């Protein structure tokens, strides 16, 4: 393999991940950012404890659907935000 492939392969892999993240295959979790905003505005936004957030993040850190170390390719969510709320769910059922 020539040296030029070292620069191409990461870009190809990155494009594959981006296509998965933004394709029609992405399953959006039932609790979206719109729901978070609505709950905030109505006073119904409930956060979980820091220990539950940590457990959820640990589960996500080992998940095959985590991309860029910060996002879920199944829900499209930013994990550090998603794990904070009581009504948030893992689209793969791993937090149950």
PDB file of N, CA and C in Angstrom:
ATOM      1  N   UNK A   1       0.832  -1.178   0.000  1.00  0.00           N
ATOM      2  CA  UNK A   1       0.000   0.000   0.000  1.00  0.00           C
ATOM      3  C   UNK A   1       0.879   1.244   0.000  1.00  0.00           C
ATOM      4  N   UNK A   2       0.520   2.197  -0.822  1.00  0.00           N
ATOM      5  CA  UNK A   2       1.302   3.434  -0.852  1.00  0.00           C
ATOM      6  C   UNK A   2       0.921   4.337   0.318  1.00  0.00           C
ATOM      7  N   UNK A   3       1.746   5.306   0.582  1.00  0.00           N
ATOM      8  CA  UNK A   3       1.502   6.229   1.689  1.00  0.00           C
ATOM      9  C   UNK A   3       0.232   7.046   1.514  1.00  0.00           C
ATOM     10  N   UNK A   4      -0.214   7.228   0.277  1.00  0.00           N
ATOM     11  CA  UNK A   4      -1.391   8.063   0.037  1.00  0.00           C
ATOM     12  C   UNK A   4      -2.662   7.453   0.641  1.00  0.00           C
ATOM     13  N   UNK A   5      -2.726   6.152   0.808  1.00  0.00           N
ATOM     14  CA  UNK A   5      -3.926   5.513   1.364  1.00  0.00           C
ATOM     15  C   UNK A   5      -4.086   5.792   2.847  1.00  0.00           C
ATOM     16  N   UNK A   6      -3.009   6.142   3.526  1.00  0.00           N
ATOM     17  CA  UNK A   6      -3.107   6.455   4.954  1.00  0.00           C
ATOM     18  C   UNK A   6      -4.012   7.655   5.198  1.00  0.00           C
ATOM     19  N   UNK A   7      -4.025   8.605   4.269  1.00  0.00           N
ATOM     20  CA  UNK A   7      -4.873   9.791   4.409  1.00  0.00           C
ATOM     21  C   UNK A   7      -6.287   9.556   3.883  1.00  0.00           C
ATOM     22  N   UNK A   8      -6.457   8.637   2.969  1.00  0.00           N
ATOM     23  CA  UNK A   8      -7.764   8.388   2.362  1.00  0.00           C
ATOM     24  C   UNK A   8      -8.643   7.515   3.259  1.00  0.00           C
ATOM     25  N   UNK A   9      -8.086   6.482   3.842  1.00  0.00           N
ATOM     26  CA  UNK A   9      -8.897   5.553   4.624  1.00  0.00           C
ATOM     27  C   UNK A   9      -9.629   6.211   5.790  1.00  0.00           C
ATOM     28  N   UNK A  10      -8.984   7.072   6.572  1.00  0.00           N
ATOM     29  CA  UNK A  10      -9.747   7.716   7.652  1.00  0.00           C
ATOM     30  C   UNK A  10     -10.915   8.551   7.129  1.00  0.00           C
ATOM     31  N   UNK A  11     -10.726   9.218   5.985  1.00  0.00           N
ATOM     32  CA  UNK A  11     -11.793  10.031   5.409  1.00  0.00           C
ATOM     33  C   UNK A  11     -12.943   9.140   4.945  1.00  0.00           C
ATOM     34  N   UNK A  12     -12.622   7.993   4.351  1.00  0.00           N
ATOM     35  CA  UNK A  12     -13.650   7.054   3.916  1.00  0.00           C
ATOM     36  C   UNK A  12     -14.424   6.547   5.123  1.00  0.00           C
ATOM     37  N   UNK A  13     -13.724   6.177   6.192  1.00  0.00           N
ATOM     38  CA  UNK A  13     -14.380   5.704   7.413  1.00  0.00           C
ATOM     39  C   UNK A  13     -15.237   6.811   8.027  1.00  0.00           C
ATOM     40  N   UNK A  14     -14.718   8.018   8.037  1.00  0.00           N
ATOM     41  CA  UNK A  14     -15.475   9.155   8.584  1.00  0.00           C
ATOM     42  C   UNK A  14     -16.756   9.376   7.779  1.00  0.00           C
ATOM     43  N   UNK A  15     -16.664   9.316   6.466  1.00  0.00           N
ATOM     44  CA  UNK A  15     -17.845   9.489   5.621  1.00  0.00           C
ATOM     45  C   UNK A  15     -18.864   8.381   5.852  1.00  0.00           C
ATOM     46  N   UNK A  16     -18.392   7.162   6.061  1.00  0.00           N
ATOM     47  CA  UNK A  16     -19.291   6.047   6.350  1.00  0.00           C
ATOM     48  C   UNK A  16     -20.068   6.302   7.645  1.00  0.00           C
ATOM     49  N   UNK A  17     -19.368   6.777   8.659  1.00  0.00           N
ATOM     50  CA  UNK A  17     -20.007   7.077   9.948  1.00  0.00           C
ATOM     51  C   UNK A  17     -21.006   8.218   9.795  1.00  0.00           C
ATOM     52  N   UNK A  18     -20.625   9.258   9.082  1.00  0.00           N
ATOM     53  CA  UNK A  18     -21.532  10.391   8.876  1.00  0.00           C
ATOM     54  C   UNK A  18     -22.774   9.967   8.101  1.00  0.00           C
ATOM     55  N   UNK A  19     -22.597   9.125   7.091  1.00  0.00           N
ATOM     56  CA  UNK A  19     -23.743   8.635   6.337  1.00  0.00           C
ATOM     57  C   UNK A  19     -24.684   7.836   7.224  1.00  0.00           C
ATOM     58  N   UNK A  20     -24.137   7.010   8.103  1.00  0.00           N
ATOM     59  CA  UNK A  20     -24.955   6.239   9.039  1.00  0.00           C
ATOM     60  C   UNK A  20     -25.697   7.159   9.992  1.00  0.00           C
ATOM     61  N   UNK A  21     -24.980   8.170  10.494  1.00  0.00           N
ATOM     62  CA  UNK A  21     -25.557   9.086  11.469  1.00  0.00           C
ATOM     63  C   UNK A  21     -26.708   9.891  10.870  1.00  0.00           C
ATOM     64  N   UNK A  22     -26.572  10.316   9.626  1.00  0.00           N
ATOM     65  CA  UNK A  22     -27.567  11.196   9.029  1.00  0.00           C
ATOM     66  C   UNK A  22     -28.446  10.516   7.977  1.00  0.00           C
ATOM     67  N   UNK A  23     -28.352   9.210   7.856  1.00  0.00           N
ATOM     68  CA  UNK A  23     -29.172   8.503   6.878  1.00  0.00           C
ATOM     69  C   UNK A  23     -30.576   8.283   7.409  1.00  0.00           C
ATOM     70  N   UNK A  24     -31.426   7.742   6.580  1.00  0.00           N
ATOM     71  CA  UNK A  24     -32.795   7.439   6.997  1.00  0.00           C
ATOM     72  C   UNK A  24     -32.843   6.280   7.980  1.00  0.00           C
ATOM     73  N   UNK A  25     -31.722   5.573   8.156  1.00  0.00           N
ATOM     74  CA  UNK A  25     -31.674   4.451   9.085  1.00  0.00           C
ATOM     75  C   UNK A  25     -31.620   4.905  10.545  1.00  0.00           C
ATOM     76  N   UNK A  26     -31.347   6.178  10.778  1.00  0.00           N
ATOM     77  CA  UNK A  26     -31.239   6.670  12.148  1.00  0.00           C
ATOM     78  C   UNK A  26     -32.609   6.601  12.817  1.00  0.00           C
ATOM     79  N   UNK A  27     -32.645   5.974  13.967  1.00  0.00           N
ATOM     80  CA  UNK A  27     -33.877   5.855  14.734  1.00  0.00           C
ATOM     81  C   UNK A  27     -33.839   6.920  15.815  1.00  0.00           C
ATOM     82  N   UNK A  28     -34.740   7.879  15.737  1.00  0.00           N
ATOM     83  CA  UNK A  28     -34.738   8.936  16.726  1.00  0.00           C
ATOM     84  C   UNK A  28     -35.494   8.493  17.967  1.00  0.00           C
ATOM     85  N   UNK A  29     -34.864   8.669  19.099  1.00  0.00           N
ATOM     86  CA  UNK A  29     -35.452   8.283  20.369  1.00  0.00           C
ATOM     87  C   UNK A  29     -36.683   9.142  20.630  1.00  0.00           C
ATOM     88  N   UNK A  30     -37.635   8.597  21.386  1.00  0.00           N
ATOM     89  CA  UNK A  30     -38.882   9.315  21.611  1.00  0.00           C
ATOM     90  C   UNK A  30     -38.733  10.622  22.385  1.00  0.00           C
ATOM     91  N   UNK A  31     -37.668  10.807  23.135  1.00  0.00           N
ATOM     92  CA  UNK A  31     -37.481  12.037  23.907  1.00  0.00           C
ATOM     93  C   UNK A  31     -36.449  12.897  23.201  1.00  0.00           C
ATOM     94  N   UNK A  32     -36.913  13.889  22.471  1.00  0.00           N
ATOM     95  CA  UNK A  32     -36.060  14.708  21.624  1.00  0.00           C
ATOM     96  C   UNK A  32     -35.739  16.045  22.287  1.00  0.00           C
ATOM     97  N   UNK A  33     -34.917  16.821  21.626  1.00  0.00           N
ATOM     98  CA  UNK A  33     -34.568  18.149  22.132  1.00  0.00           C
ATOM     99  C   UNK A  33     -35.811  19.020  22.237  1.00  0.00           C
ATOM    100  N   UNK A  34     -36.759  18.826  21.345  1.00  0.00           N
ATOM    101  CA  UNK A  34     -38.031  19.574  21.412  1.00  0.00           C
ATOM    102  C   UNK A  34     -38.762  19.231  22.707  1.00  0.00           C
ATOM    103  N   UNK A  35     -38.767  17.948  23.059  1.00  0.00           N
ATOM    104  CA  UNK A  35     -39.398  17.528  24.317  1.00  0.00           C
ATOM    105  C   UNK A  35     -38.687  18.131  25.525  1.00  0.00           C
ATOM    106  N   UNK A  36     -37.360  18.187  25.466  1.00  0.00           N
ATOM    107  CA  UNK A  36     -36.583  18.781  26.561  1.00  0.00           C
ATOM    108  C   UNK A  36     -36.971  20.252  26.732  1.00  0.00           C
ATOM    109  N   UNK A  37     -37.059  20.973  25.623  1.00  0.00           N
ATOM    110  CA  UNK A  37     -37.431  22.390  25.679  1.00  0.00           C
ATOM    111  C   UNK A  37     -38.849  22.557  26.226  1.00  0.00           C
ATOM    112  N   UNK A  38     -39.788  21.736  25.744  1.00  0.00           N
ATOM    113  CA  UNK A  38     -41.165  21.802  26.244  1.00  0.00           C
ATOM    114  C   UNK A  38     -41.207  21.539  27.744  1.00  0.00           C
ATOM    115  N   UNK A  39     -40.498  20.504  28.186  1.00  0.00           N
ATOM    116  CA  UNK A  39     -40.473  20.181  29.616  1.00  0.00           C
ATOM    117  C   UNK A  39     -39.857  21.314  30.427  1.00  0.00           C
ATOM    118  N   UNK A  40     -38.819  21.926  29.886  1.00  0.00           N
ATOM    119  CA  UNK A  40     -38.187  23.057  30.575  1.00  0.00           C
ATOM    120  C   UNK A  40     -39.164  24.218  30.719  1.00  0.00           C
ATOM    121  N   UNK A  41     -39.843  24.544  29.626  1.00  0.00           N
ATOM    122  CA  UNK A  41     -40.762  25.682  29.635  1.00  0.00           C
ATOM    123  C   UNK A  41     -41.984  25.457  30.529  1.00  0.00           C
ATOM    124  N   UNK A  42     -42.389  24.201  30.684  1.00  0.00           N
ATOM    125  CA  UNK A  42     -43.560  23.896  31.517  1.00  0.00           C
ATOM    126  C   UNK A  42     -43.182  23.510  32.944  1.00  0.00           C
ATOM    127  N   UNK A  43     -41.883  23.505  33.235  1.00  0.00           N
ATOM    128  CA  UNK A  43     -41.434  23.151  34.584  1.00  0.00           C
ATOM    129  C   UNK A  43     -41.429  21.661  34.854  1.00  0.00           C
ATOM    130  N   UNK A  44     -41.472  20.855  33.810  1.00  0.00           N
ATOM    131  CA  UNK A  44     -41.515  19.397  33.966  1.00  0.00           C
ATOM    132  C   UNK A  44     -40.196  18.701  33.641  1.00  0.00           C
ATOM    133  N   UNK A  45     -39.127  19.454  33.489  1.00  0.00           N
ATOM    134  CA  UNK A  45     -37.828  18.871  33.153  1.00  0.00           C
ATOM    135  C   UNK A  45     -37.214  18.263  34.408  1.00  0.00           C
ATOM    136  N   UNK A  46     -37.024  16.955  34.395  1.00  0.00           N
ATOM    137  CA  UNK A  46     -36.478  16.249  35.553  1.00  0.00           C
ATOM    138  C   UNK A  46     -35.149  15.620  35.163  1.00  0.00           C
ATOM    139  N   UNK A  47     -34.114  15.996  35.905  1.00  0.00           N
ATOM    140  CA  UNK A  47     -32.789  15.418  35.675  1.00  0.00           C
ATOM    141  C   UNK A  47     -32.569  14.247  36.628  1.00  0.00           C
ATOM    142  N   UNK A  48     -31.765  13.291  36.165  1.00  0.00           N
ATOM    143  CA  UNK A  48     -31.391  12.156  37.014  1.00  0.00           C
ATOM    144  C   UNK A  48     -30.136  12.534  37.798  1.00  0.00           C
ATOM    145  N   UNK A  49     -29.825  11.734  38.800  1.00  0.00           N
ATOM    146  CA  UNK A  49     -28.650  11.991  39.631  1.00  0.00           C
ATOM    147  C   UNK A  49     -27.360  11.827  38.813  1.00  0.00           C
ATOM    148  N   UNK A  50     -26.303  12.411  39.319  1.00  0.00           N
ATOM    149  CA  UNK A  50     -24.985  12.312  38.667  1.00  0.00           C
ATOM    150  C   UNK A  50     -24.554  10.854  38.548  1.00  0.00           C
ATOM    151  N   UNK A  51     -24.875  10.030  39.546  1.00  0.00           N
ATOM    152  CA  UNK A  51     -24.469   8.620  39.486  1.00  0.00           C
ATOM    153  C   UNK A  51     -25.201   7.881  38.360  1.00  0.00           C
ATOM    154  N   UNK A  52     -26.460   8.194  38.134  1.00  0.00           N
ATOM    155  CA  UNK A  52     -27.192   7.564  37.021  1.00  0.00           C
ATOM    156  C   UNK A  52     -26.633   8.057  35.688  1.00  0.00           C
ATOM    157  N   UNK A  53     -26.319   9.349  35.611  1.00  0.00           N
ATOM    158  CA  UNK A  53     -25.707   9.883  34.390  1.00  0.00           C
ATOM    159  C   UNK A  53     -24.398   9.153  34.086  1.00  0.00           C
ATOM    160  N   UNK A  54     -23.591   8.932  35.127  1.00  0.00           N
ATOM    161  CA  UNK A  54     -22.306   8.251  34.952  1.00  0.00           C
ATOM    162  C   UNK A  54     -22.493   6.814  34.471  1.00  0.00           C
ATOM    163  N   UNK A  55     -23.486   6.122  35.027  1.00  0.00           N
ATOM    164  CA  UNK A  55     -23.761   4.740  34.602  1.00  0.00           C
ATOM    165  C   UNK A  55     -24.192   4.726  33.137  1.00  0.00           C
ATOM    166  N   UNK A  56     -25.067   5.630  32.776  1.00  0.00           N
ATOM    167  CA  UNK A  56     -25.528   5.703  31.382  1.00  0.00           C
ATOM    168  C   UNK A  56     -24.368   5.994  30.436  1.00  0.00           C
ATOM    169  N   UNK A  57     -23.516   6.949  30.803  1.00  0.00           N
ATOM    170  CA  UNK A  57     -22.365   7.271  29.956  1.00  0.00           C
ATOM    171  C   UNK A  57     -21.403   6.094  29.830  1.00  0.00           C
ATOM    172  N   UNK A  58     -21.241   5.346  30.903  1.00  0.00           N
ATOM    173  CA  UNK A  58     -20.378   4.159  30.864  1.00  0.00           C
ATOM    174  C   UNK A  58     -20.934   3.128  29.886  1.00  0.00           C
ATOM    175  N   UNK A  59     -22.244   2.920  29.931  1.00  0.00           N
ATOM    176  CA  UNK A  59     -22.890   1.991  28.998  1.00  0.00           C
ATOM    177  C   UNK A  59     -22.676   2.482  27.568  1.00  0.00           C
ATOM    178  N   UNK A  60     -22.868   3.772  27.354  1.00  0.00           N
ATOM    179  CA  UNK A  60     -22.698   4.351  26.015  1.00  0.00           C
ATOM    180  C   UNK A  60     -21.252   4.256  25.536  1.00  0.00           C
ATOM    181  N   UNK A  61     -20.309   4.389  26.445  1.00  0.00           N
ATOM    182  CA  UNK A  61     -18.894   4.366  26.045  1.00  0.00           C
ATOM    183  C   UNK A  61     -18.488   3.012  25.485  1.00  0.00           C
ATOM    184  N   UNK A  62     -19.217   1.961  25.833  1.00  0.00           N
ATOM    185  CA  UNK A  62     -18.916   0.622  25.334  1.00  0.00           C
ATOM    186  C   UNK A  62     -19.812   0.212  24.165  1.00  0.00           C
ATOM    187  N   UNK A  63     -20.714   1.094  23.760  1.00  0.00           N
ATOM    188  CA  UNK A  63     -21.706   0.769  22.731  1.00  0.00           C
ATOM    189  C   UNK A  63     -21.131   0.893  21.325  1.00  0.00           C
ATOM    190  N   UNK A  64     -21.526  -0.026  20.460  1.00  0.00           N
ATOM    191  CA  UNK A  64     -21.073  -0.021  19.073  1.00  0.00           C
ATOM    192  C   UNK A  64     -21.691   1.112  18.252  1.00  0.00           C
ATOM    193  N   UNK A  65     -22.736   1.762  18.762  1.00  0.00           N
ATOM    194  CA  UNK A  65     -23.391   2.841  18.038  1.00  0.00           C
ATOM    195  C   UNK A  65     -22.900   4.228  18.445  1.00  0.00           C
ATOM    196  N   UNK A  66     -21.918   4.292  19.335  1.00  0.00           N
ATOM    197  CA  UNK A  66     -21.334   5.575  19.717  1.00  0.00           C
ATOM    198  C   UNK A  66     -20.354   6.000  18.631  1.00  0.00           C
ATOM    199  N   UNK A  67     -20.487   7.234  18.180  1.00  0.00           N
ATOM    200  CA  UNK A  67     -19.587   7.769  17.156  1.00  0.00           C
ATOM    201  C   UNK A  67     -18.993   9.076  17.646  1.00  0.00           C
ATOM    202  N   UNK A  68     -17.783   9.358  17.192  1.00  0.00           N
ATOM    203  CA  UNK A  68     -17.051  10.576  17.557  1.00  0.00           C
ATOM    204  C   UNK A  68     -16.909  10.732  19.071  1.00  0.00           C
ATOM    205  N   UNK A  69     -17.010   9.649  19.819  1.00  0.00           N
ATOM    206  CA  UNK A  69     -16.890   9.627  21.279  1.00  0.00           C
ATOM    207  C   UNK A  69     -17.935  10.494  21.977  1.00  0.00           C
ATOM    208  N   UNK A  70     -18.908  11.002  21.241  1.00  0.00           N
ATOM    209  CA  UNK A  70     -19.856  11.923  21.869  1.00  0.00           C
ATOM    210  C   UNK A  70     -21.303  11.781  21.410  1.00  0.00           C
ATOM    211  N   UNK A  71     -21.555  11.044  20.334  1.00  0.00           N
ATOM    212  CA  UNK A  71     -22.892  10.954  19.772  1.00  0.00           C
ATOM    213  C   UNK A  71     -23.370   9.507  19.621  1.00  0.00           C
ATOM    214  N   UNK A  72     -24.670   9.360  19.648  1.00  0.00           N
ATOM    215  CA  UNK A  72     -25.301   8.057  19.388  1.00  0.00           C
ATOM    216  C   UNK A  72     -25.755   8.040  17.936  1.00  0.00           C
ATOM    217  N   UNK A  73     -25.291   7.073  17.162  1.00  0.00           N
ATOM    218  CA  UNK A  73     -25.678   7.015  15.747  1.00  0.00           C
ATOM    219  C   UNK A  73     -27.097   6.498  15.560  1.00  0.00           C
ATOM    220  N   UNK A  74     -27.694   5.916  16.575  1.00  0.00           N
ATOM    221  CA  UNK A  74     -29.080   5.444  16.473  1.00  0.00           C
ATOM    222  C   UNK A  74     -30.081   6.546  16.766  1.00  0.00           C
ATOM    223  N   UNK A  75     -29.810   7.365  17.763  1.00  0.00           N
ATOM    224  CA  UNK A  75     -30.754   8.438  18.111  1.00  0.00           C
ATOM    225  C   UNK A  75     -30.338   9.784  17.540  1.00  0.00           C
ATOM    226  N   UNK A  76     -29.055   9.923  17.192  1.00  0.00           N
ATOM    227  CA  UNK A  76     -28.548  11.196  16.710  1.00  0.00           C
ATOM    228  C   UNK A  76     -28.242  12.181  17.824  1.00  0.00           C
ATOM    229  N   UNK A  77     -28.318  11.726  19.059  1.00  0.00           N
ATOM    230  CA  UNK A  77     -28.187  12.606  20.224  1.00  0.00           C
ATOM    231  C   UNK A  77     -26.743  12.805  20.683  1.00  0.00           C
ATOM    232  N   UNK A  78     -26.519  13.953  21.284  1.00  0.00           N
ATOM    233  CA  UNK A  78     -25.283  14.234  21.998  1.00  0.00           C
ATOM    234  C   UNK A  78     -25.404  13.531  23.351  1.00  0.00           C
ATOM    235  N   UNK A  79     -24.544  12.569  23.609  1.00  0.00           N
ATOM    236  CA  UNK A  79     -24.681  11.707  24.783  1.00  0.00           C
ATOM    237  C   UNK A  79     -24.601  12.451  26.106  1.00  0.00           C
ATOM    238  N   UNK A  80     -23.711  13.430  26.202  1.00  0.00           N
ATOM    239  CA  UNK A  80     -23.569  14.151  27.473  1.00  0.00           C
ATOM    240  C   UNK A  80     -24.849  14.896  27.844  1.00  0.00           C
ATOM    241  N   UNK A  81     -25.660  15.241  26.861  1.00  0.00           N
ATOM    242  CA  UNK A  81     -26.951  15.876  27.121  1.00  0.00           C
ATOM    243  C   UNK A  81     -28.035  14.827  27.366  1.00  0.00           C
ATOM    244  N   UNK A  82     -28.061  13.823  26.523  1.00  0.00           N
ATOM    245  CA  UNK A  82     -29.104  12.801  26.577  1.00  0.00           C
ATOM    246  C   UNK A  82     -29.173  12.073  27.919  1.00  0.00           C
ATOM    247  N   UNK A  83     -28.030  11.774  28.510  1.00  0.00           N
ATOM    248  CA  UNK A  83     -28.008  10.969  29.738  1.00  0.00           C
ATOM    249  C   UNK A  83     -28.555  11.709  30.956  1.00  0.00           C
ATOM    250  N   UNK A  84     -28.745  13.009  30.861  1.00  0.00           N
ATOM    251  CA  UNK A  84     -29.131  13.814  32.018  1.00  0.00           C
ATOM    252  C   UNK A  84     -30.601  13.729  32.413  1.00  0.00           C
ATOM    253  N   UNK A  85     -31.479  13.327  31.495  1.00  0.00           N
ATOM    254  CA  UNK A  85     -32.902  13.503  31.727  1.00  0.00           C
ATOM    255  C   UNK A  85     -33.637  12.191  31.998  1.00  0.00           C
ATOM    256  N   UNK A  86     -34.561  12.261  32.932  1.00  0.00           N
ATOM    257  CA  UNK A  86     -35.310  11.092  33.363  1.00  0.00           C
ATOM    258  C   UNK A  86     -36.057  10.429  32.210  1.00  0.00           C
ATOM    259  N   UNK A  87     -36.655  11.229  31.352  1.00  0.00           N
ATOM    260  CA  UNK A  87     -37.461  10.670  30.254  1.00  0.00           C
ATOM    261  C   UNK A  87     -36.629  10.172  29.077  1.00  0.00           C
ATOM    262  N   UNK A  88     -35.330  10.438  29.064  1.00  0.00           N
ATOM    263  CA  UNK A  88     -34.468   9.954  27.978  1.00  0.00           C
ATOM    264  C   UNK A  88     -34.362   8.440  28.033  1.00  0.00           C
ATOM    265  N   UNK A  89     -34.311   7.829  26.864  1.00  0.00           N
ATOM    266  CA  UNK A  89     -34.154   6.381  26.765  1.00  0.00           C
ATOM    267  C   UNK A  89     -33.061   6.047  25.757  1.00  0.00           C
ATOM    268  N   UNK A  90     -32.448   4.916  25.943  1.00  0.00           N
ATOM    269  CA  UNK A  90     -31.519   4.384  24.952  1.00  0.00           C
ATOM    270  C   UNK A  90     -32.360   3.718  23.861  1.00  0.00           C
ATOM    271  N   UNK A  91     -32.155   4.058  22.604  1.00  0.00           N
ATOM    272  CA  UNK A  91     -32.953   3.455  21.526  1.00  0.00           C
ATOM    273  C   UNK A  91     -32.702   1.952  21.379  1.00  0.00           C
ATOM    274  N   UNK A  92     -31.618   1.463  21.960  1.00  0.00           N
ATOM    275  CA  UNK A  92     -31.310   0.040  21.892  1.00  0.00           C
ATOM    276  C   UNK A  92     -31.732  -0.692  23.183  1.00  0.00           C
ATOM    277  N   UNK A  93     -32.287   0.047  24.123  1.00  0.00           N
ATOM    278  CA  UNK A  93     -32.760  -0.551  25.372  1.00  0.00           C
ATOM    279  C   UNK A  93     -31.663  -0.929  26.358  1.00  0.00           C
ATOM    280  N   UNK A  94     -30.498  -0.336  26.202  1.00  0.00           N
ATOM    281  CA  UNK A  94     -29.356  -0.718  27.041  1.00  0.00           C
ATOM    282  C   UNK A  94     -29.367  -0.075  28.425  1.00  0.00           C
ATOM    283  N   UNK A  95     -30.190   0.957  28.643  1.00  0.00           N
ATOM    284  CA  UNK A  95     -30.241   1.589  29.952  1.00  0.00           C
ATOM    285  C   UNK A  95     -31.267   0.941  30.872  1.00  0.00           C
ATOM    286  N   UNK A  96     -32.035   0.021  30.350  1.00  0.00           N
ATOM    287  CA  UNK A  96     -33.130  -0.583  31.141  1.00  0.00           C
ATOM    288  C   UNK A  96     -32.618  -1.459  32.259  1.00  0.00           C
TER     289      UNK A  96
END
